[in-house]
Amino acid sequence: MTHAQNTPDQIAPSLKTLGVGGGLSLVAAILAMVLFVMPAEYGVDPLGAGRLMGITGLSADVDAEEAAEQSRAAARDRAPVTQEFKIFLAPQHGLEFKLDVGAGEPIHYSWRIDGQPVEYDLHGEPFDGPEGYFESYATGTGTGGNGWFITPFDGTHGWYLNNQSDQLAVFTATVTGYFEEQQSR
């Protein structure tokens, strides 16, 4: 003996369900565009997520990639430079200390302040970037630090230092890498 089972007819989703699903899909598509496509394909990174994931400018034209590779090849043909810099910071005064460095170059640094802690911002500014654009690598208030980074672009890379104390502060930095010249202003 067989029993016949009745299956309920499938119910079509409501307009509200379709609207919510479509809206969520649209939001997901916009997020994917802003977080992944714009940084990787166009080099536009409004949220900074592309830089954090290392995908900014992945589709840069071949000429830029070739130039970066030539720079790295040239770096292998020369020894890195190690140089110590000493800068006197007047009380209640700030200044920038920068080096001209090509894209893709490794920079190792160690710095200290003799005197009161200073505000610092280790950052870079591209030579051909928009007015006022810079990328910070390390910021804070202190009497020293060390580390390394690979320069993301051709430009000036270095420190902004602000001595807010009433005493002279002496900034001493030892930098190893492939840099062209020192600038301070």
N, C-alpha and C. Protein backbone atom coordinates (compact mmCIF):
# COMPACT_ATOMS: atom_id res chain seq x y z
N MET A 1 0.84 -1.16 0.00
CA MET A 1 0.00 0.00 0.00
C MET A 1 0.89 1.23 0.00
N THR A 2 0.64 2.11 -0.86
CA THR A 2 1.40 3.34 -0.97
C THR A 2 0.55 4.50 -0.51
N HIS A 3 1.27 5.44 0.13
CA HIS A 3 0.59 6.65 0.58
C HIS A 3 1.00 7.80 -0.31
N ALA A 4 0.11 8.51 -0.76
CA ALA A 4 0.39 9.69 -1.57
C ALA A 4 0.66 10.85 -0.64
N GLN A 5 1.75 11.58 -0.89
CA GLN A 5 2.04 12.75 -0.07
C GLN A 5 1.67 13.98 -0.85
N ASN A 6 1.05 14.86 -0.18
CA ASN A 6 0.74 16.15 -0.80
C ASN A 6 1.88 17.10 -0.48
N THR A 7 2.46 17.75 -1.47
CA THR A 7 3.52 18.75 -1.23
C THR A 7 2.89 20.12 -1.39
N PRO A 8 3.21 20.99 -0.45
CA PRO A 8 2.63 22.33 -0.57
C PRO A 8 3.23 23.05 -1.77
N ASP A 9 2.40 23.87 -2.38
CA ASP A 9 2.89 24.68 -3.49
C ASP A 9 3.95 25.64 -2.96
N GLN A 10 4.98 25.87 -3.77
CA GLN A 10 6.00 26.82 -3.34
C GLN A 10 5.42 28.22 -3.40
N ILE A 11 5.74 28.98 -2.37
CA ILE A 11 5.22 30.34 -2.28
C ILE A 11 6.30 31.29 -2.79
N ALA A 12 5.93 32.15 -3.69
CA ALA A 12 6.86 33.14 -4.24
C ALA A 12 7.21 34.16 -3.15
N PRO A 13 8.47 34.65 -3.14
CA PRO A 13 8.84 35.64 -2.14
C PRO A 13 8.04 36.93 -2.33
N SER A 14 7.81 37.61 -1.21
CA SER A 14 7.06 38.86 -1.26
C SER A 14 7.92 39.96 -1.85
N LEU A 15 7.27 41.04 -2.24
CA LEU A 15 8.00 42.19 -2.76
C LEU A 15 8.94 42.75 -1.70
N LYS A 16 8.54 42.71 -0.44
CA LYS A 16 9.38 43.20 0.65
C LYS A 16 10.66 42.36 0.74
N THR A 17 10.53 41.03 0.68
CA THR A 17 11.69 40.14 0.74
C THR A 17 12.62 40.38 -0.45
N LEU A 18 12.03 40.53 -1.63
CA LEU A 18 12.84 40.82 -2.82
C LEU A 18 13.55 42.15 -2.68
N GLY A 19 12.88 43.14 -2.15
CA GLY A 19 13.47 44.47 -1.97
C GLY A 19 14.64 44.45 -0.99
N VAL A 20 14.45 43.74 0.14
CA VAL A 20 15.53 43.65 1.13
C VAL A 20 16.72 42.90 0.54
N GLY A 21 16.47 41.78 -0.14
CA GLY A 21 17.55 41.02 -0.77
C GLY A 21 18.29 41.82 -1.82
N GLY A 22 17.53 42.52 -2.64
CA GLY A 22 18.15 43.36 -3.67
C GLY A 22 18.96 44.50 -3.05
N GLY A 23 18.42 45.10 -1.99
CA GLY A 23 19.14 46.19 -1.31
C GLY A 23 20.44 45.71 -0.69
N LEU A 24 20.39 44.55 -0.04
CA LEU A 24 21.62 43.99 0.56
C LEU A 24 22.64 43.65 -0.52
N SER A 25 22.18 43.14 -1.65
CA SER A 25 23.09 42.83 -2.75
C SER A 25 23.74 44.10 -3.28
N LEU A 26 22.96 45.18 -3.38
CA LEU A 26 23.49 46.45 -3.85
C LEU A 26 24.55 46.99 -2.88
N VAL A 27 24.28 46.92 -1.58
CA VAL A 27 25.23 47.38 -0.57
C VAL A 27 26.52 46.56 -0.65
N ALA A 28 26.38 45.22 -0.80
CA ALA A 28 27.56 44.36 -0.91
C ALA A 28 28.38 44.70 -2.16
N ALA A 29 27.70 44.99 -3.26
CA ALA A 29 28.40 45.35 -4.50
C ALA A 29 29.15 46.67 -4.35
N ILE A 30 28.51 47.64 -3.69
CA ILE A 30 29.17 48.94 -3.48
C ILE A 30 30.38 48.77 -2.57
N LEU A 31 30.24 48.00 -1.50
CA LEU A 31 31.38 47.75 -0.61
C LEU A 31 32.53 47.07 -1.35
N ALA A 32 32.20 46.08 -2.15
CA ALA A 32 33.24 45.39 -2.92
C ALA A 32 33.94 46.38 -3.87
N MET A 33 33.17 47.26 -4.48
CA MET A 33 33.74 48.25 -5.39
C MET A 33 34.69 49.19 -4.64
N VAL A 34 34.25 49.71 -3.49
CA VAL A 34 35.05 50.68 -2.73
C VAL A 34 36.25 50.01 -2.06
N LEU A 35 36.06 48.80 -1.51
CA LEU A 35 37.13 48.15 -0.77
C LEU A 35 38.16 47.44 -1.66
N PHE A 36 37.72 46.90 -2.81
CA PHE A 36 38.62 46.07 -3.61
C PHE A 36 38.88 46.61 -5.01
N VAL A 37 37.81 46.89 -5.76
CA VAL A 37 37.97 47.24 -7.17
C VAL A 37 38.64 48.60 -7.34
N MET A 38 38.14 49.63 -6.65
CA MET A 38 38.71 50.97 -6.83
C MET A 38 40.19 51.02 -6.46
N PRO A 39 40.60 50.46 -5.28
CA PRO A 39 42.04 50.50 -4.97
C PRO A 39 42.89 49.68 -5.94
N ALA A 40 42.44 48.48 -6.28
CA ALA A 40 43.26 47.60 -7.13
C ALA A 40 43.30 48.06 -8.57
N GLU A 41 42.16 48.45 -9.13
CA GLU A 41 42.09 48.77 -10.56
C GLU A 41 42.44 50.22 -10.88
N TYR A 42 42.04 51.15 -9.99
CA TYR A 42 42.18 52.56 -10.32
C TYR A 42 43.13 53.31 -9.39
N GLY A 43 43.64 52.66 -8.35
CA GLY A 43 44.53 53.32 -7.42
C GLY A 43 43.83 54.33 -6.54
N VAL A 44 42.50 54.29 -6.49
CA VAL A 44 41.71 55.20 -5.65
C VAL A 44 41.34 54.42 -4.40
N ASP A 45 41.76 54.94 -3.22
CA ASP A 45 41.59 54.20 -1.97
C ASP A 45 40.97 55.11 -0.90
N PRO A 46 39.65 55.44 -1.02
CA PRO A 46 39.05 56.42 -0.12
C PRO A 46 39.02 55.98 1.34
N LEU A 47 39.00 54.69 1.62
CA LEU A 47 38.93 54.21 3.00
C LEU A 47 40.27 53.73 3.54
N GLY A 48 41.29 53.65 2.70
CA GLY A 48 42.60 53.17 3.12
C GLY A 48 42.69 51.66 3.22
N ALA A 49 41.62 50.95 2.87
CA ALA A 49 41.61 49.49 2.97
C ALA A 49 42.55 48.86 1.95
N GLY A 50 42.65 49.42 0.77
CA GLY A 50 43.53 48.87 -0.26
C GLY A 50 44.98 48.91 0.17
N ARG A 51 45.39 50.00 0.84
CA ARG A 51 46.76 50.11 1.33
C ARG A 51 47.01 49.05 2.40
N LEU A 52 46.04 48.86 3.31
CA LEU A 52 46.21 47.86 4.36
C LEU A 52 46.29 46.45 3.80
N MET A 53 45.55 46.17 2.74
CA MET A 53 45.58 44.83 2.13
C MET A 53 46.68 44.68 1.10
N GLY A 54 47.34 45.79 0.76
CA GLY A 54 48.42 45.73 -0.22
C GLY A 54 47.94 45.58 -1.65
N ILE A 55 46.73 46.04 -1.95
CA ILE A 55 46.21 45.88 -3.32
C ILE A 55 46.12 47.19 -4.08
N THR A 56 46.47 48.30 -3.46
CA THR A 56 46.36 49.58 -4.14
C THR A 56 47.25 49.60 -5.37
N GLY A 57 46.65 49.92 -6.51
CA GLY A 57 47.38 50.06 -7.76
C GLY A 57 47.87 48.75 -8.37
N LEU A 58 47.22 47.64 -8.06
CA LEU A 58 47.66 46.36 -8.62
C LEU A 58 47.64 46.36 -10.14
N SER A 59 46.71 47.08 -10.74
CA SER A 59 46.62 47.05 -12.20
C SER A 59 47.34 48.24 -12.82
N ALA A 60 48.31 48.81 -12.10
CA ALA A 60 49.06 49.94 -12.65
C ALA A 60 49.65 49.53 -13.99
N ASP A 61 49.80 50.51 -14.86
CA ASP A 61 50.27 50.15 -16.19
C ASP A 61 51.66 49.53 -16.16
N VAL A 62 51.99 48.81 -17.19
CA VAL A 62 53.23 48.05 -17.24
C VAL A 62 54.45 48.95 -17.12
N ASP A 63 54.37 50.18 -17.64
CA ASP A 63 55.51 51.08 -17.57
C ASP A 63 55.89 51.37 -16.12
N ALA A 64 54.91 51.58 -15.25
CA ALA A 64 55.19 51.84 -13.84
C ALA A 64 55.82 50.61 -13.19
N GLU A 65 55.32 49.43 -13.52
CA GLU A 65 55.89 48.20 -12.98
C GLU A 65 57.32 48.01 -13.47
N GLU A 66 57.56 48.30 -14.74
CA GLU A 66 58.90 48.17 -15.29
C GLU A 66 59.86 49.14 -14.60
N ALA A 67 59.41 50.36 -14.36
CA ALA A 67 60.25 51.36 -13.69
C ALA A 67 60.60 50.90 -12.28
N ALA A 68 59.63 50.34 -11.57
CA ALA A 68 59.90 49.86 -10.21
C ALA A 68 60.90 48.71 -10.25
N GLU A 69 60.76 47.81 -11.20
CA GLU A 69 61.69 46.68 -11.32
C GLU A 69 63.09 47.19 -11.66
N GLN A 70 63.20 48.16 -12.56
CA GLN A 70 64.50 48.72 -12.90
C GLN A 70 65.14 49.37 -11.68
N SER A 71 64.31 50.04 -10.86
CA SER A 71 64.83 50.66 -9.64
C SER A 71 65.37 49.61 -8.69
N ARG A 72 64.62 48.50 -8.53
CA ARG A 72 65.08 47.43 -7.65
C ARG A 72 66.35 46.78 -8.20
N ALA A 73 66.43 46.61 -9.51
CA ALA A 73 67.62 46.01 -10.13
C ALA A 73 68.83 46.92 -9.91
N ALA A 74 68.62 48.22 -10.08
CA ALA A 74 69.72 49.16 -9.86
C ALA A 74 70.16 49.14 -8.40
N ALA A 75 69.20 48.97 -7.48
CA ALA A 75 69.54 48.92 -6.05
C ALA A 75 70.44 47.73 -5.75
N ARG A 76 70.23 46.63 -6.45
CA ARG A 76 71.08 45.44 -6.21
C ARG A 76 72.50 45.67 -6.68
N ASP A 77 72.69 46.64 -7.58
CA ASP A 77 74.01 46.93 -8.11
C ASP A 77 74.78 47.94 -7.26
N ARG A 78 74.18 48.42 -6.20
CA ARG A 78 74.85 49.41 -5.36
C ARG A 78 74.62 49.07 -3.90
N ALA A 79 75.51 49.55 -3.07
CA ALA A 79 75.40 49.29 -1.64
C ALA A 79 74.52 50.35 -0.98
N PRO A 80 73.76 49.98 0.04
CA PRO A 80 72.97 50.98 0.74
C PRO A 80 73.89 51.96 1.48
N VAL A 81 73.37 53.14 1.72
CA VAL A 81 74.09 54.20 2.42
C VAL A 81 73.60 54.23 3.86
N THR A 82 74.52 54.38 4.80
CA THR A 82 74.15 54.60 6.20
C THR A 82 74.68 55.97 6.57
N GLN A 83 73.78 56.80 7.10
CA GLN A 83 74.18 58.16 7.44
C GLN A 83 73.50 58.56 8.74
N GLU A 84 74.24 59.32 9.56
CA GLU A 84 73.67 59.85 10.80
C GLU A 84 73.40 61.34 10.60
N PHE A 85 72.24 61.76 11.06
CA PHE A 85 71.84 63.16 10.96
C PHE A 85 71.57 63.68 12.37
N LYS A 86 71.97 64.92 12.62
CA LYS A 86 71.72 65.55 13.92
C LYS A 86 71.07 66.91 13.66
N ILE A 87 69.93 67.12 14.29
CA ILE A 87 69.17 68.37 14.09
C ILE A 87 68.83 68.95 15.46
N PHE A 88 69.02 70.24 15.61
CA PHE A 88 68.69 70.93 16.85
C PHE A 88 67.31 71.55 16.72
N LEU A 89 66.43 71.19 17.65
CA LEU A 89 65.06 71.70 17.64
C LEU A 89 64.92 72.77 18.71
N ALA A 90 64.66 73.98 18.29
CA ALA A 90 64.48 75.07 19.24
C ALA A 90 63.22 74.83 20.08
N PRO A 91 63.16 75.39 21.28
CA PRO A 91 61.95 75.26 22.10
C PRO A 91 60.74 75.83 21.36
N GLN A 92 59.61 75.18 21.52
CA GLN A 92 58.35 75.61 20.92
C GLN A 92 58.46 75.78 19.40
N HIS A 93 59.16 74.84 18.77
CA HIS A 93 59.39 74.96 17.33
C HIS A 93 59.27 73.59 16.67
N GLY A 94 58.80 73.57 15.43
CA GLY A 94 58.69 72.33 14.66
C GLY A 94 59.41 72.46 13.34
N LEU A 95 59.81 71.33 12.77
CA LEU A 95 60.44 71.33 11.45
C LEU A 95 60.29 69.95 10.82
N GLU A 96 60.54 69.90 9.51
CA GLU A 96 60.53 68.63 8.78
C GLU A 96 61.94 68.28 8.36
N PHE A 97 62.25 66.99 8.45
CA PHE A 97 63.51 66.45 7.98
C PHE A 97 63.17 65.35 7.00
N LYS A 98 63.64 65.47 5.74
CA LYS A 98 63.22 64.53 4.69
C LYS A 98 64.41 64.06 3.87
N LEU A 99 64.21 62.89 3.25
CA LEU A 99 65.15 62.33 2.30
C LEU A 99 64.41 62.07 0.99
N ASP A 100 65.07 62.30 -0.13
CA ASP A 100 64.49 61.95 -1.43
C ASP A 100 64.76 60.46 -1.66
N VAL A 101 63.69 59.69 -1.85
CA VAL A 101 63.82 58.25 -1.99
C VAL A 101 62.91 57.77 -3.12
N GLY A 102 63.41 56.84 -3.92
CA GLY A 102 62.62 56.25 -5.00
C GLY A 102 61.63 55.22 -4.49
N ALA A 103 60.64 54.91 -5.29
CA ALA A 103 59.62 53.91 -4.94
C ALA A 103 60.24 52.54 -4.79
N GLY A 104 59.75 51.78 -3.82
CA GLY A 104 60.18 50.41 -3.62
C GLY A 104 61.50 50.24 -2.91
N GLU A 105 62.04 51.32 -2.35
CA GLU A 105 63.33 51.24 -1.66
C GLU A 105 63.14 50.92 -0.18
N PRO A 106 63.95 50.01 0.37
CA PRO A 106 63.87 49.74 1.81
C PRO A 106 64.64 50.81 2.59
N ILE A 107 64.05 51.25 3.66
CA ILE A 107 64.68 52.24 4.54
C ILE A 107 64.65 51.70 5.97
N HIS A 108 65.81 51.66 6.62
CA HIS A 108 65.90 51.28 8.02
C HIS A 108 66.27 52.54 8.79
N TYR A 109 65.64 52.77 9.93
CA TYR A 109 65.91 53.98 10.69
C TYR A 109 65.94 53.71 12.19
N SER A 110 66.68 54.55 12.87
CA SER A 110 66.72 54.57 14.32
C SER A 110 66.90 56.02 14.71
N TRP A 111 66.10 56.50 15.66
CA TRP A 111 66.22 57.90 16.05
C TRP A 111 66.04 58.05 17.55
N ARG A 112 66.57 59.16 18.07
CA ARG A 112 66.42 59.46 19.49
C ARG A 112 66.39 60.98 19.67
N ILE A 113 65.83 61.38 20.78
CA ILE A 113 65.79 62.79 21.17
C ILE A 113 66.55 62.94 22.47
N ASP A 114 67.49 63.85 22.50
CA ASP A 114 68.14 64.24 23.76
C ASP A 114 67.38 65.46 24.24
N GLY A 115 66.63 65.29 25.31
CA GLY A 115 65.78 66.37 25.82
C GLY A 115 64.38 65.83 26.07
N GLN A 116 63.44 66.72 26.13
CA GLN A 116 62.05 66.36 26.38
C GLN A 116 61.46 65.61 25.17
N PRO A 117 60.44 64.78 25.40
CA PRO A 117 59.78 64.11 24.27
C PRO A 117 59.24 65.12 23.27
N VAL A 118 59.21 64.73 22.01
CA VAL A 118 58.68 65.59 20.95
C VAL A 118 57.55 64.85 20.25
N GLU A 119 56.68 65.62 19.60
CA GLU A 119 55.67 65.05 18.72
C GLU A 119 56.39 64.72 17.41
N TYR A 120 56.07 63.55 16.83
CA TYR A 120 56.70 63.17 15.57
C TYR A 120 55.68 62.54 14.64
N ASP A 121 55.97 62.67 13.36
CA ASP A 121 55.17 62.03 12.32
C ASP A 121 56.15 61.60 11.23
N LEU A 122 56.41 60.30 11.15
CA LEU A 122 57.24 59.75 10.09
C LEU A 122 56.31 59.51 8.90
N HIS A 123 56.59 60.17 7.79
CA HIS A 123 55.67 60.12 6.65
C HIS A 123 56.40 60.35 5.34
N GLY A 124 55.65 60.18 4.25
CA GLY A 124 56.18 60.42 2.93
C GLY A 124 55.21 61.22 2.09
N GLU A 125 55.76 61.99 1.17
CA GLU A 125 54.97 62.79 0.23
C GLU A 125 55.44 62.49 -1.19
N PRO A 126 54.53 62.04 -2.07
CA PRO A 126 54.96 61.73 -3.44
C PRO A 126 55.34 63.00 -4.20
N PHE A 127 56.37 62.88 -5.05
CA PHE A 127 56.79 64.03 -5.85
C PHE A 127 55.65 64.55 -6.72
N ASP A 128 54.88 63.65 -7.31
CA ASP A 128 53.82 64.07 -8.23
C ASP A 128 52.42 63.94 -7.62
N GLY A 129 52.33 63.90 -6.29
CA GLY A 129 51.04 63.73 -5.63
C GLY A 129 50.26 65.03 -5.56
N PRO A 130 48.98 64.92 -5.17
CA PRO A 130 48.16 66.11 -5.01
C PRO A 130 48.69 67.01 -3.89
N GLU A 131 48.41 68.26 -3.99
CA GLU A 131 48.85 69.24 -3.00
C GLU A 131 48.40 68.82 -1.60
N GLY A 132 49.34 68.75 -0.67
CA GLY A 132 49.03 68.43 0.72
C GLY A 132 48.89 66.94 1.03
N TYR A 133 49.04 66.06 0.03
CA TYR A 133 48.88 64.62 0.27
C TYR A 133 50.14 64.04 0.89
N PHE A 134 49.97 63.19 1.92
CA PHE A 134 51.08 62.45 2.50
C PHE A 134 50.54 61.17 3.13
N GLU A 135 51.44 60.20 3.35
CA GLU A 135 51.10 58.96 4.05
C GLU A 135 51.96 58.87 5.29
N SER A 136 51.33 58.70 6.46
CA SER A 136 52.06 58.54 7.71
C SER A 136 52.42 57.08 7.93
N TYR A 137 53.64 56.85 8.43
CA TYR A 137 54.10 55.51 8.74
C TYR A 137 54.13 55.28 10.25
N ALA A 138 54.41 56.32 11.03
CA ALA A 138 54.43 56.22 12.49
C ALA A 138 54.23 57.63 13.05
N THR A 139 53.37 57.75 14.06
CA THR A 139 53.13 59.04 14.69
C THR A 139 53.07 58.85 16.20
N GLY A 140 53.29 59.93 16.93
CA GLY A 140 53.17 59.86 18.38
C GLY A 140 53.98 60.95 19.04
N THR A 141 54.23 60.74 20.33
CA THR A 141 55.07 61.62 21.12
C THR A 141 56.07 60.71 21.82
N GLY A 142 57.36 61.06 21.75
CA GLY A 142 58.35 60.20 22.38
C GLY A 142 59.75 60.74 22.26
N THR A 143 60.70 59.89 22.70
CA THR A 143 62.11 60.27 22.67
C THR A 143 62.93 59.35 21.76
N GLY A 144 62.28 58.49 21.00
CA GLY A 144 63.03 57.65 20.08
C GLY A 144 62.19 56.56 19.47
N GLY A 145 62.79 55.90 18.49
CA GLY A 145 62.12 54.80 17.83
C GLY A 145 63.02 54.21 16.77
N ASN A 146 62.61 53.06 16.25
CA ASN A 146 63.35 52.45 15.15
C ASN A 146 62.41 51.55 14.39
N GLY A 147 62.81 51.20 13.19
CA GLY A 147 62.00 50.34 12.35
C GLY A 147 62.48 50.39 10.92
N TRP A 148 61.63 49.91 10.03
CA TRP A 148 61.94 49.95 8.61
C TRP A 148 60.64 49.95 7.83
N PHE A 149 60.73 50.38 6.59
CA PHE A 149 59.59 50.36 5.68
C PHE A 149 60.12 50.36 4.25
N ILE A 150 59.26 50.00 3.34
CA ILE A 150 59.59 50.07 1.91
C ILE A 150 58.78 51.23 1.35
N THR A 151 59.46 52.16 0.72
CA THR A 151 58.78 53.36 0.24
C THR A 151 57.74 53.02 -0.82
N PRO A 152 56.50 53.48 -0.62
CA PRO A 152 55.43 53.13 -1.56
C PRO A 152 55.44 53.96 -2.85
N PHE A 153 56.22 55.03 -2.88
CA PHE A 153 56.22 55.91 -4.06
C PHE A 153 57.50 56.73 -4.10
N ASP A 154 57.82 57.31 -5.27
CA ASP A 154 58.93 58.26 -5.38
C ASP A 154 58.53 59.52 -4.63
N GLY A 155 59.39 59.98 -3.74
CA GLY A 155 59.05 61.20 -3.03
C GLY A 155 60.00 61.49 -1.89
N THR A 156 59.59 62.40 -1.03
CA THR A 156 60.35 62.71 0.16
C THR A 156 59.76 61.91 1.32
N HIS A 157 60.64 61.32 2.12
CA HIS A 157 60.23 60.50 3.24
C HIS A 157 61.06 60.93 4.45
N GLY A 158 60.40 61.15 5.58
CA GLY A 158 61.12 61.57 6.77
C GLY A 158 60.17 61.98 7.87
N TRP A 159 60.65 62.84 8.76
CA TRP A 159 59.94 63.18 9.98
C TRP A 159 59.49 64.63 10.00
N TYR A 160 58.32 64.84 10.57
CA TYR A 160 57.94 66.16 11.07
C TYR A 160 58.14 66.05 12.57
N LEU A 161 58.86 67.00 13.15
CA LEU A 161 59.16 67.01 14.59
C LEU A 161 58.65 68.31 15.19
N ASN A 162 58.03 68.21 16.36
CA ASN A 162 57.50 69.40 17.01
C ASN A 162 57.92 69.37 18.48
N ASN A 163 58.82 70.31 18.84
CA ASN A 163 59.32 70.42 20.21
C ASN A 163 58.42 71.40 20.97
N GLN A 164 57.53 70.88 21.78
CA GLN A 164 56.59 71.73 22.52
C GLN A 164 57.14 72.16 23.88
N SER A 165 58.35 71.71 24.21
CA SER A 165 58.92 72.05 25.51
C SER A 165 59.60 73.42 25.47
N ASP A 166 60.06 73.86 26.62
CA ASP A 166 60.79 75.13 26.72
C ASP A 166 62.30 74.90 26.70
N GLN A 167 62.72 73.68 26.30
CA GLN A 167 64.13 73.34 26.26
C GLN A 167 64.54 72.92 24.84
N LEU A 168 65.81 73.11 24.54
CA LEU A 168 66.36 72.64 23.27
C LEU A 168 66.27 71.12 23.23
N ALA A 169 65.90 70.55 22.10
CA ALA A 169 65.89 69.11 21.90
C ALA A 169 66.81 68.79 20.72
N VAL A 170 67.57 67.72 20.83
CA VAL A 170 68.47 67.33 19.76
C VAL A 170 67.97 66.00 19.18
N PHE A 171 67.64 66.03 17.89
CA PHE A 171 67.16 64.86 17.16
C PHE A 171 68.35 64.23 16.45
N THR A 172 68.61 62.95 16.72
CA THR A 172 69.68 62.22 16.05
C THR A 172 69.06 61.01 15.38
N ALA A 173 69.27 60.88 14.08
CA ALA A 173 68.71 59.76 13.33
C ALA A 173 69.83 59.07 12.55
N THR A 174 69.79 57.74 12.55
CA THR A 174 70.67 56.95 11.70
C THR A 174 69.77 56.26 10.69
N VAL A 175 70.04 56.50 9.42
CA VAL A 175 69.21 55.99 8.33
C VAL A 175 70.08 55.16 7.39
N THR A 176 69.58 53.97 7.04
CA THR A 176 70.26 53.11 6.07
C THR A 176 69.29 52.84 4.93
N GLY A 177 69.76 53.05 3.71
CA GLY A 177 68.91 52.80 2.55
C GLY A 177 69.48 53.43 1.31
N TYR A 178 68.62 53.67 0.36
CA TYR A 178 69.00 54.23 -0.94
C TYR A 178 68.30 55.58 -1.07
N PHE A 179 68.92 56.61 -0.56
CA PHE A 179 68.33 57.93 -0.61
C PHE A 179 69.31 58.89 -1.26
N GLU A 180 68.75 59.97 -1.78
CA GLU A 180 69.55 60.89 -2.57
C GLU A 180 70.12 62.07 -1.77
N GLU A 181 69.26 62.73 -1.02
CA GLU A 181 69.75 63.92 -0.34
C GLU A 181 68.92 64.21 0.89
N GLN A 182 69.49 64.99 1.76
CA GLN A 182 68.81 65.39 2.98
C GLN A 182 68.15 66.73 2.77
N GLN A 183 66.97 66.89 3.33
CA GLN A 183 66.29 68.19 3.31
C GLN A 183 65.77 68.44 4.71
N SER A 184 65.88 69.65 5.18
CA SER A 184 65.17 70.02 6.42
C SER A 184 64.69 71.45 6.27
N ARG A 185 63.51 71.68 6.79
CA ARG A 185 62.94 73.02 6.72
C ARG A 185 62.05 73.25 7.91
